[in-house]
Amino acid sequence: MEEFPIIHTNFWDALIAVPAIIILIELLKVFFPKLHSWIPSVANFLGLFISIFIAHPNNLWAGIFMGVFYGNAAIGAYAGFMMAVRAYRNQDSHKHYR
């Protein structure tokens, strides 16, 4: 029986891969405006591509495992940021009603 792969998270994971996916998604949204419903899937495919071919090229299972995390982290970070921006804008526009 094969052991589980050892997966190292490092500087690449947190500070380069996830923002790179967010930037690539934003560029794709500019050039392909009808891509809106496919954004989560595209982010996961980009995460898999970056993880398998760049971050973990010698270990397929680690690449797949971390690639899904890259894509979902990018989606979650973007969604959280946009929710905070919308809440802040909504708070400022209704300030005089309180």
PDB file of N, CA and C in Angstrom:
ATOM      1  N   MET A   1       0.847  -1.185   0.000  1.00  0.00           N
ATOM      2  CA  MET A   1       0.000   0.000   0.000  1.00  0.00           C
ATOM      3  C   MET A   1       0.886   1.239   0.000  1.00  0.00           C
ATOM      4  N   GLU A   2       0.519   2.203  -0.792  1.00  0.00           N
ATOM      5  CA  GLU A   2       1.302   3.424  -0.930  1.00  0.00           C
ATOM      6  C   GLU A   2       0.938   4.433   0.150  1.00  0.00           C
ATOM      7  N   GLU A   3       1.928   5.141   0.641  1.00  0.00           N
ATOM      8  CA  GLU A   3       1.682   6.157   1.662  1.00  0.00           C
ATOM      9  C   GLU A   3       1.095   7.409   1.027  1.00  0.00           C
ATOM     10  N   PHE A   4       0.460   8.212   1.867  1.00  0.00           N
ATOM     11  CA  PHE A   4      -0.032   9.498   1.393  1.00  0.00           C
ATOM     12  C   PHE A   4       1.153  10.386   1.049  1.00  0.00           C
ATOM     13  N   PRO A   5       1.016  11.231   0.019  1.00  0.00           N
ATOM     14  CA  PRO A   5       2.145  12.096  -0.326  1.00  0.00           C
ATOM     15  C   PRO A   5       2.353  13.187   0.719  1.00  0.00           C
ATOM     16  N   ILE A   6       3.579  13.552   0.911  1.00  0.00           N
ATOM     17  CA  ILE A   6       3.895  14.669   1.790  1.00  0.00           C
ATOM     18  C   ILE A   6       3.743  15.941   0.969  1.00  0.00           C
ATOM     19  N   ILE A   7       2.887  16.824   1.420  1.00  0.00           N
ATOM     20  CA  ILE A   7       2.607  18.052   0.684  1.00  0.00           C
ATOM     21  C   ILE A   7       3.122  19.212   1.519  1.00  0.00           C
ATOM     22  N   HIS A   8       4.042  19.952   0.952  1.00  0.00           N
ATOM     23  CA  HIS A   8       4.609  21.104   1.639  1.00  0.00           C
ATOM     24  C   HIS A   8       3.923  22.372   1.143  1.00  0.00           C
ATOM     25  N   THR A   9       3.377  23.137   2.060  1.00  0.00           N
ATOM     26  CA  THR A   9       2.866  24.447   1.683  1.00  0.00           C
ATOM     27  C   THR A   9       3.969  25.446   1.968  1.00  0.00           C
ATOM     28  N   ASN A  10       4.120  26.405   1.101  1.00  0.00           N
ATOM     29  CA  ASN A  10       5.230  27.327   1.244  1.00  0.00           C
ATOM     30  C   ASN A  10       4.832  28.716   0.766  1.00  0.00           C
ATOM     31  N   PHE A  11       5.820  29.543   0.584  1.00  0.00           N
ATOM     32  CA  PHE A  11       5.643  30.917   0.130  1.00  0.00           C
ATOM     33  C   PHE A  11       4.843  30.969  -1.169  1.00  0.00           C
ATOM     34  N   TRP A  12       5.127  30.047  -2.064  1.00  0.00           N
ATOM     35  CA  TRP A  12       4.464  30.006  -3.360  1.00  0.00           C
ATOM     36  C   TRP A  12       2.949  29.913  -3.200  1.00  0.00           C
ATOM     37  N   ASP A  13       2.497  29.060  -2.310  1.00  0.00           N
ATOM     38  CA  ASP A  13       1.065  28.817  -2.153  1.00  0.00           C
ATOM     39  C   ASP A  13       0.291  30.072  -1.783  1.00  0.00           C
ATOM     40  N   ALA A  14       0.748  30.750  -0.772  1.00  0.00           N
ATOM     41  CA  ALA A  14      -0.040  31.843  -0.212  1.00  0.00           C
ATOM     42  C   ALA A  14       0.124  33.162  -0.957  1.00  0.00           C
ATOM     43  N   LEU A  15       1.312  33.453  -1.412  1.00  0.00           N
ATOM     44  CA  LEU A  15       1.554  34.793  -1.928  1.00  0.00           C
ATOM     45  C   LEU A  15       1.709  34.908  -3.432  1.00  0.00           C
ATOM     46  N   ILE A  16       1.791  33.814  -4.133  1.00  0.00           N
ATOM     47  CA  ILE A  16       1.952  33.909  -5.580  1.00  0.00           C
ATOM     48  C   ILE A  16       0.832  33.199  -6.330  1.00  0.00           C
ATOM     49  N   ALA A  17       0.541  31.956  -6.012  1.00  0.00           N
ATOM     50  CA  ALA A  17      -0.410  31.177  -6.806  1.00  0.00           C
ATOM     51  C   ALA A  17      -1.834  31.723  -6.732  1.00  0.00           C
ATOM     52  N   VAL A  18      -2.325  31.996  -5.551  1.00  0.00           N
ATOM     53  CA  VAL A  18      -3.713  32.453  -5.404  1.00  0.00           C
ATOM     54  C   VAL A  18      -3.911  33.837  -6.027  1.00  0.00           C
ATOM     55  N   PRO A  19      -3.049  34.826  -5.750  1.00  0.00           N
ATOM     56  CA  PRO A  19      -3.226  36.107  -6.446  1.00  0.00           C
ATOM     57  C   PRO A  19      -3.047  35.997  -7.962  1.00  0.00           C
ATOM     58  N   ALA A  20      -2.167  35.110  -8.407  1.00  0.00           N
ATOM     59  CA  ALA A  20      -2.004  34.913  -9.855  1.00  0.00           C
ATOM     60  C   ALA A  20      -3.295  34.409 -10.479  1.00  0.00           C
ATOM     61  N   ILE A  21      -3.978  33.512  -9.812  1.00  0.00           N
ATOM     62  CA  ILE A  21      -5.248  33.001 -10.327  1.00  0.00           C
ATOM     63  C   ILE A  21      -6.290  34.114 -10.341  1.00  0.00           C
ATOM     64  N   ILE A  22      -6.334  34.927  -9.306  1.00  0.00           N
ATOM     65  CA  ILE A  22      -7.291  36.039  -9.261  1.00  0.00           C
ATOM     66  C   ILE A  22      -7.026  37.000 -10.410  1.00  0.00           C
ATOM     67  N   ILE A  23      -5.775  37.334 -10.654  1.00  0.00           N
ATOM     68  CA  ILE A  23      -5.430  38.251 -11.747  1.00  0.00           C
ATOM     69  C   ILE A  23      -5.794  37.642 -13.100  1.00  0.00           C
ATOM     70  N   LEU A  24      -5.489  36.364 -13.294  1.00  0.00           N
ATOM     71  CA  LEU A  24      -5.837  35.710 -14.557  1.00  0.00           C
ATOM     72  C   LEU A  24      -7.347  35.674 -14.775  1.00  0.00           C
ATOM     73  N   ILE A  25      -8.095  35.426 -13.726  1.00  0.00           N
ATOM     74  CA  ILE A  25      -9.554  35.414 -13.838  1.00  0.00           C
ATOM     75  C   ILE A  25     -10.071  36.803 -14.204  1.00  0.00           C
ATOM     76  N   GLU A  26      -9.517  37.844 -13.580  1.00  0.00           N
ATOM     77  CA  GLU A  26      -9.949  39.202 -13.914  1.00  0.00           C
ATOM     78  C   GLU A  26      -9.636  39.543 -15.368  1.00  0.00           C
ATOM     79  N   LEU A  27      -8.480  39.118 -15.858  1.00  0.00           N
ATOM     80  CA  LEU A  27      -8.145  39.346 -17.263  1.00  0.00           C
ATOM     81  C   LEU A  27      -9.084  38.587 -18.185  1.00  0.00           C
ATOM     82  N   LEU A  28      -9.397  37.358 -17.836  1.00  0.00           N
ATOM     83  CA  LEU A  28     -10.339  36.583 -18.650  1.00  0.00           C
ATOM     84  C   LEU A  28     -11.721  37.221 -18.661  1.00  0.00           C
ATOM     85  N   LYS A  29     -12.140  37.800 -17.531  1.00  0.00           N
ATOM     86  CA  LYS A  29     -13.440  38.459 -17.482  1.00  0.00           C
ATOM     87  C   LYS A  29     -13.482  39.681 -18.381  1.00  0.00           C
ATOM     88  N   VAL A  30     -12.349  40.364 -18.543  1.00  0.00           N
ATOM     89  CA  VAL A  30     -12.302  41.527 -19.428  1.00  0.00           C
ATOM     90  C   VAL A  30     -12.418  41.092 -20.888  1.00  0.00           C
ATOM     91  N   PHE A  31     -11.675  40.061 -21.264  1.00  0.00           N
ATOM     92  CA  PHE A  31     -11.648  39.633 -22.656  1.00  0.00           C
ATOM     93  C   PHE A  31     -12.824  38.730 -23.041  1.00  0.00           C
ATOM     94  N   PHE A  32     -13.388  38.037 -22.074  1.00  0.00           N
ATOM     95  CA  PHE A  32     -14.530  37.141 -22.336  1.00  0.00           C
ATOM     96  C   PHE A  32     -15.641  37.437 -21.339  1.00  0.00           C
ATOM     97  N   PRO A  33     -16.449  38.471 -21.582  1.00  0.00           N
ATOM     98  CA  PRO A  33     -17.468  38.874 -20.599  1.00  0.00           C
ATOM     99  C   PRO A  33     -18.555  37.831 -20.347  1.00  0.00           C
ATOM    100  N   LYS A  34     -18.753  36.891 -21.255  1.00  0.00           N
ATOM    101  CA  LYS A  34     -19.785  35.875 -21.055  1.00  0.00           C
ATOM    102  C   LYS A  34     -19.268  34.698 -20.228  1.00  0.00           C
ATOM    103  N   LEU A  35     -18.089  34.827 -19.683  1.00  0.00           N
ATOM    104  CA  LEU A  35     -17.461  33.767 -18.899  1.00  0.00           C
ATOM    105  C   LEU A  35     -17.965  33.732 -17.453  1.00  0.00           C
ATOM    106  N   HIS A  36     -18.845  34.639 -17.097  1.00  0.00           N
ATOM    107  CA  HIS A  36     -19.235  34.834 -15.698  1.00  0.00           C
ATOM    108  C   HIS A  36     -19.663  33.548 -14.981  1.00  0.00           C
ATOM    109  N   SER A  37     -20.465  32.730 -15.602  1.00  0.00           N
ATOM    110  CA  SER A  37     -20.952  31.523 -14.929  1.00  0.00           C
ATOM    111  C   SER A  37     -19.880  30.430 -14.840  1.00  0.00           C
ATOM    112  N   TRP A  38     -18.800  30.558 -15.604  1.00  0.00           N
ATOM    113  CA  TRP A  38     -17.743  29.557 -15.607  1.00  0.00           C
ATOM    114  C   TRP A  38     -16.553  29.940 -14.732  1.00  0.00           C
ATOM    115  N   ILE A  39     -16.615  31.071 -14.065  1.00  0.00           N
ATOM    116  CA  ILE A  39     -15.459  31.565 -13.313  1.00  0.00           C
ATOM    117  C   ILE A  39     -14.965  30.582 -12.252  1.00  0.00           C
ATOM    118  N   PRO A  40     -15.811  29.990 -11.426  1.00  0.00           N
ATOM    119  CA  PRO A  40     -15.284  29.031 -10.442  1.00  0.00           C
ATOM    120  C   PRO A  40     -14.590  27.825 -11.081  1.00  0.00           C
ATOM    121  N   SER A  41     -15.160  27.322 -12.164  1.00  0.00           N
ATOM    122  CA  SER A  41     -14.537  26.178 -12.840  1.00  0.00           C
ATOM    123  C   SER A  41     -13.205  26.561 -13.465  1.00  0.00           C
ATOM    124  N   VAL A  42     -13.153  27.719 -14.095  1.00  0.00           N
ATOM    125  CA  VAL A  42     -11.909  28.179 -14.704  1.00  0.00           C
ATOM    126  C   VAL A  42     -10.845  28.409 -13.634  1.00  0.00           C
ATOM    127  N   ALA A  43     -11.240  28.967 -12.490  1.00  0.00           N
ATOM    128  CA  ALA A  43     -10.283  29.180 -11.393  1.00  0.00           C
ATOM    129  C   ALA A  43      -9.718  27.848 -10.902  1.00  0.00           C
ATOM    130  N   ASN A  44     -10.560  26.843 -10.809  1.00  0.00           N
ATOM    131  CA  ASN A  44     -10.064  25.527 -10.388  1.00  0.00           C
ATOM    132  C   ASN A  44      -9.143  24.914 -11.435  1.00  0.00           C
ATOM    133  N   PHE A  45      -9.477  25.060 -12.714  1.00  0.00           N
ATOM    134  CA  PHE A  45      -8.593  24.552 -13.769  1.00  0.00           C
ATOM    135  C   PHE A  45      -7.250  25.276 -13.749  1.00  0.00           C
ATOM    136  N   LEU A  46      -7.275  26.603 -13.552  1.00  0.00           N
ATOM    137  CA  LEU A  46      -6.020  27.351 -13.451  1.00  0.00           C
ATOM    138  C   LEU A  46      -5.215  26.902 -12.234  1.00  0.00           C
ATOM    139  N   GLY A  47      -5.900  26.675 -11.117  1.00  0.00           N
ATOM    140  CA  GLY A  47      -5.217  26.188  -9.917  1.00  0.00           C
ATOM    141  C   GLY A  47      -4.586  24.831 -10.148  1.00  0.00           C
ATOM    142  N   LEU A  48      -5.309  23.952 -10.808  1.00  0.00           N
ATOM    143  CA  LEU A  48      -4.749  22.637 -11.123  1.00  0.00           C
ATOM    144  C   LEU A  48      -3.551  22.757 -12.055  1.00  0.00           C
ATOM    145  N   PHE A  49      -3.660  23.597 -13.074  1.00  0.00           N
ATOM    146  CA  PHE A  49      -2.560  23.769 -14.013  1.00  0.00           C
ATOM    147  C   PHE A  49      -1.308  24.295 -13.306  1.00  0.00           C
ATOM    148  N   ILE A  50      -1.475  25.345 -12.511  1.00  0.00           N
ATOM    149  CA  ILE A  50      -0.334  25.927 -11.803  1.00  0.00           C
ATOM    150  C   ILE A  50       0.266  24.919 -10.837  1.00  0.00           C
ATOM    151  N   SER A  51      -0.577  24.222 -10.117  1.00  0.00           N
ATOM    152  CA  SER A  51      -0.079  23.291  -9.107  1.00  0.00           C
ATOM    153  C   SER A  51       0.607  22.079  -9.718  1.00  0.00           C
ATOM    154  N   ILE A  52      -0.009  21.486 -10.729  1.00  0.00           N
ATOM    155  CA  ILE A  52       0.548  20.264 -11.318  1.00  0.00           C
ATOM    156  C   ILE A  52       1.821  20.552 -12.105  1.00  0.00           C
ATOM    157  N   PHE A  53       1.822  21.628 -12.877  1.00  0.00           N
ATOM    158  CA  PHE A  53       2.952  21.864 -13.778  1.00  0.00           C
ATOM    159  C   PHE A  53       4.028  22.799 -13.224  1.00  0.00           C
ATOM    160  N   ILE A  54       3.712  23.606 -12.218  1.00  0.00           N
ATOM    161  CA  ILE A  54       4.699  24.562 -11.712  1.00  0.00           C
ATOM    162  C   ILE A  54       5.059  24.282 -10.252  1.00  0.00           C
ATOM    163  N   ALA A  55       4.062  24.232  -9.378  1.00  0.00           N
ATOM    164  CA  ALA A  55       4.347  24.126  -7.949  1.00  0.00           C
ATOM    165  C   ALA A  55       4.747  22.716  -7.508  1.00  0.00           C
ATOM    166  N   HIS A  56       4.085  21.687  -8.042  1.00  0.00           N
ATOM    167  CA  HIS A  56       4.355  20.303  -7.636  1.00  0.00           C
ATOM    168  C   HIS A  56       4.536  19.412  -8.869  1.00  0.00           C
ATOM    169  N   PRO A  57       5.548  19.678  -9.686  1.00  0.00           N
ATOM    170  CA  PRO A  57       5.669  18.917 -10.942  1.00  0.00           C
ATOM    171  C   PRO A  57       6.077  17.463 -10.766  1.00  0.00           C
ATOM    172  N   ASN A  58       6.636  17.105  -9.631  1.00  0.00           N
ATOM    173  CA  ASN A  58       7.129  15.744  -9.435  1.00  0.00           C
ATOM    174  C   ASN A  58       6.153  14.835  -8.712  1.00  0.00           C
ATOM    175  N   ASN A  59       5.010  15.361  -8.304  1.00  0.00           N
ATOM    176  CA  ASN A  59       4.053  14.578  -7.537  1.00  0.00           C
ATOM    177  C   ASN A  59       2.642  14.907  -8.016  1.00  0.00           C
ATOM    178  N   LEU A  60       2.058  14.036  -8.818  1.00  0.00           N
ATOM    179  CA  LEU A  60       0.748  14.304  -9.410  1.00  0.00           C
ATOM    180  C   LEU A  60      -0.340  14.462  -8.349  1.00  0.00           C
ATOM    181  N   TRP A  61      -0.355  13.589  -7.349  1.00  0.00           N
ATOM    182  CA  TRP A  61      -1.411  13.655  -6.337  1.00  0.00           C
ATOM    183  C   TRP A  61      -1.311  14.914  -5.494  1.00  0.00           C
ATOM    184  N   ALA A  62      -0.111  15.324  -5.165  1.00  0.00           N
ATOM    185  CA  ALA A  62       0.060  16.583  -4.436  1.00  0.00           C
ATOM    186  C   ALA A  62      -0.371  17.754  -5.314  1.00  0.00           C
ATOM    187  N   GLY A  63      -0.061  17.678  -6.614  1.00  0.00           N
ATOM    188  CA  GLY A  63      -0.468  18.727  -7.539  1.00  0.00           C
ATOM    189  C   GLY A  63      -1.973  18.850  -7.652  1.00  0.00           C
ATOM    190  N   ILE A  64      -2.653  17.727  -7.737  1.00  0.00           N
ATOM    191  CA  ILE A  64      -4.118  17.745  -7.820  1.00  0.00           C
ATOM    192  C   ILE A  64      -4.722  18.271  -6.513  1.00  0.00           C
ATOM    193  N   PHE A  65      -4.226  17.759  -5.410  1.00  0.00           N
ATOM    194  CA  PHE A  65      -4.740  18.151  -4.095  1.00  0.00           C
ATOM    195  C   PHE A  65      -4.568  19.652  -3.866  1.00  0.00           C
ATOM    196  N   MET A  66      -3.358  20.163  -4.097  1.00  0.00           N
ATOM    197  CA  MET A  66      -3.098  21.578  -3.864  1.00  0.00           C
ATOM    198  C   MET A  66      -3.727  22.453  -4.941  1.00  0.00           C
ATOM    199  N   GLY A  67      -3.870  21.950  -6.155  1.00  0.00           N
ATOM    200  CA  GLY A  67      -4.497  22.725  -7.216  1.00  0.00           C
ATOM    201  C   GLY A  67      -5.943  23.067  -6.917  1.00  0.00           C
ATOM    202  N   VAL A  68      -6.664  22.119  -6.350  1.00  0.00           N
ATOM    203  CA  VAL A  68      -8.045  22.390  -5.946  1.00  0.00           C
ATOM    204  C   VAL A  68      -8.062  23.449  -4.847  1.00  0.00           C
ATOM    205  N   PHE A  69      -7.113  23.379  -3.934  1.00  0.00           N
ATOM    206  CA  PHE A  69      -7.027  24.405  -2.892  1.00  0.00           C
ATOM    207  C   PHE A  69      -6.684  25.768  -3.483  1.00  0.00           C
ATOM    208  N   TYR A  70      -5.769  25.822  -4.439  1.00  0.00           N
ATOM    209  CA  TYR A  70      -5.426  27.094  -5.076  1.00  0.00           C
ATOM    210  C   TYR A  70      -6.661  27.731  -5.700  1.00  0.00           C
ATOM    211  N   GLY A  71      -7.386  26.966  -6.492  1.00  0.00           N
ATOM    212  CA  GLY A  71      -8.566  27.497  -7.163  1.00  0.00           C
ATOM    213  C   GLY A  71      -9.641  27.953  -6.199  1.00  0.00           C
ATOM    214  N   ASN A  72      -9.931  27.126  -5.206  1.00  0.00           N
ATOM    215  CA  ASN A  72     -10.969  27.485  -4.242  1.00  0.00           C
ATOM    216  C   ASN A  72     -10.542  28.636  -3.337  1.00  0.00           C
ATOM    217  N   ALA A  73      -9.266  28.716  -3.004  1.00  0.00           N
ATOM    218  CA  ALA A  73      -8.783  29.846  -2.214  1.00  0.00           C
ATOM    219  C   ALA A  73      -8.909  31.147  -3.000  1.00  0.00           C
ATOM    220  N   ALA A  74      -8.626  31.096  -4.288  1.00  0.00           N
ATOM    221  CA  ALA A  74      -8.770  32.291  -5.121  1.00  0.00           C
ATOM    222  C   ALA A  74     -10.230  32.724  -5.207  1.00  0.00           C
ATOM    223  N   ILE A  75     -11.123  31.773  -5.389  1.00  0.00           N
ATOM    224  CA  ILE A  75     -12.552  32.088  -5.457  1.00  0.00           C
ATOM    225  C   ILE A  75     -13.030  32.675  -4.133  1.00  0.00           C
ATOM    226  N   GLY A  76     -12.639  32.053  -3.036  1.00  0.00           N
ATOM    227  CA  GLY A  76     -13.055  32.533  -1.720  1.00  0.00           C
ATOM    228  C   GLY A  76     -12.483  33.888  -1.377  1.00  0.00           C
ATOM    229  N   ALA A  77     -11.215  34.123  -1.703  1.00  0.00           N
ATOM    230  CA  ALA A  77     -10.594  35.412  -1.417  1.00  0.00           C
ATOM    231  C   ALA A  77     -11.275  36.516  -2.221  1.00  0.00           C
ATOM    232  N   TYR A  78     -11.545  36.250  -3.481  1.00  0.00           N
ATOM    233  CA  TYR A  78     -12.213  37.240  -4.322  1.00  0.00           C
ATOM    234  C   TYR A  78     -13.629  37.512  -3.813  1.00  0.00           C
ATOM    235  N   ALA A  79     -14.365  36.470  -3.494  1.00  0.00           N
ATOM    236  CA  ALA A  79     -15.744  36.641  -3.017  1.00  0.00           C
ATOM    237  C   ALA A  79     -15.783  37.401  -1.693  1.00  0.00           C
ATOM    238  N   GLY A  80     -14.869  37.086  -0.791  1.00  0.00           N
ATOM    239  CA  GLY A  80     -14.805  37.794   0.483  1.00  0.00           C
ATOM    240  C   GLY A  80     -14.467  39.263   0.298  1.00  0.00           C
ATOM    241  N   PHE A  81     -13.524  39.548  -0.582  1.00  0.00           N
ATOM    242  CA  PHE A  81     -13.150  40.930  -0.857  1.00  0.00           C
ATOM    243  C   PHE A  81     -14.327  41.706  -1.447  1.00  0.00           C
ATOM    244  N   MET A  82     -15.007  41.116  -2.416  1.00  0.00           N
ATOM    245  CA  MET A  82     -16.134  41.804  -3.038  1.00  0.00           C
ATOM    246  C   MET A  82     -17.295  42.012  -2.060  1.00  0.00           C
ATOM    247  N   MET A  83     -17.516  41.059  -1.176  1.00  0.00           N
ATOM    248  CA  MET A  83     -18.564  41.210  -0.178  1.00  0.00           C
ATOM    249  C   MET A  83     -18.229  42.351   0.783  1.00  0.00           C
ATOM    250  N   ALA A  84     -16.971  42.450   1.182  1.00  0.00           N
ATOM    251  CA  ALA A  84     -16.552  43.534   2.072  1.00  0.00           C
ATOM    252  C   ALA A  84     -16.685  44.889   1.383  1.00  0.00           C
ATOM    253  N   VAL A  85     -16.317  44.976   0.116  1.00  0.00           N
ATOM    254  CA  VAL A  85     -16.444  46.232  -0.628  1.00  0.00           C
ATOM    255  C   VAL A  85     -17.902  46.629  -0.747  1.00  0.00           C
ATOM    256  N   ARG A  86     -18.763  45.682  -1.082  1.00  0.00           N
ATOM    257  CA  ARG A  86     -20.189  45.994  -1.210  1.00  0.00           C
ATOM    258  C   ARG A  86     -20.791  46.415   0.129  1.00  0.00           C
ATOM    259  N   ALA A  87     -20.407  45.760   1.211  1.00  0.00           N
ATOM    260  CA  ALA A  87     -20.916  46.138   2.533  1.00  0.00           C
ATOM    261  C   ALA A  87     -20.440  47.528   2.913  1.00  0.00           C
ATOM    262  N   TYR A  88     -19.199  47.841   2.609  1.00  0.00           N
ATOM    263  CA  TYR A  88     -18.669  49.175   2.915  1.00  0.00           C
ATOM    264  C   TYR A  88     -19.397  50.249   2.115  1.00  0.00           C
ATOM    265  N   ARG A  89     -19.613  49.994   0.829  1.00  0.00           N
ATOM    266  CA  ARG A  89     -20.335  50.960   0.003  1.00  0.00           C
ATOM    267  C   ARG A  89     -21.773  51.122   0.469  1.00  0.00           C
ATOM    268  N   ASN A  90     -22.414  50.046   0.848  1.00  0.00           N
ATOM    269  CA  ASN A  90     -23.785  50.092   1.327  1.00  0.00           C
ATOM    270  C   ASN A  90     -23.854  50.847   2.648  1.00  0.00           C
ATOM    271  N   GLN A  91     -22.876  50.675   3.496  1.00  0.00           N
ATOM    272  CA  GLN A  91     -22.834  51.357   4.788  1.00  0.00           C
ATOM    273  C   GLN A  91     -22.707  52.862   4.578  1.00  0.00           C
ATOM    274  N   ASP A  92     -21.883  53.301   3.663  1.00  0.00           N
ATOM    275  CA  ASP A  92     -21.704  54.726   3.411  1.00  0.00           C
ATOM    276  C   ASP A  92     -22.936  55.360   2.779  1.00  0.00           C
ATOM    277  N   SER A  93     -23.625  54.663   1.908  1.00  0.00           N
ATOM    278  CA  SER A  93     -24.774  55.241   1.225  1.00  0.00           C
ATOM    279  C   SER A  93     -25.981  55.371   2.142  1.00  0.00           C
ATOM    280  N   HIS A  94     -26.061  54.584   3.209  1.00  0.00           N
ATOM    281  CA  HIS A  94     -27.192  54.649   4.133  1.00  0.00           C
ATOM    282  C   HIS A  94     -26.837  55.305   5.458  1.00  0.00           C
ATOM    283  N   LYS A  95     -25.742  56.001   5.505  1.00  0.00           N
ATOM    284  CA  LYS A  95     -25.278  56.582   6.748  1.00  0.00           C
ATOM    285  C   LYS A  95     -26.248  57.647   7.286  1.00  0.00           C
ATOM    286  N   HIS A  96     -26.836  58.422   6.419  1.00  0.00           N
ATOM    287  CA  HIS A  96     -27.713  59.506   6.863  1.00  0.00           C
ATOM    288  C   HIS A  96     -29.066  59.018   7.356  1.00  0.00           C
ATOM    289  N   TYR A  97     -29.413  57.748   7.170  1.00  0.00           N
ATOM    290  CA  TYR A  97     -30.688  57.212   7.631  1.00  0.00           C
ATOM    291  C   TYR A  97     -30.648  56.767   9.086  1.00  0.00           C
ATOM    292  N   ARG A  98     -29.510  56.690   9.674  1.00  0.00           N
ATOM    293  CA  ARG A  98     -29.405  56.181  11.050  1.00  0.00           C
ATOM    294  C   ARG A  98     -29.536  57.258  12.059  1.00  0.00           C
TER     295      ARG A  98
END
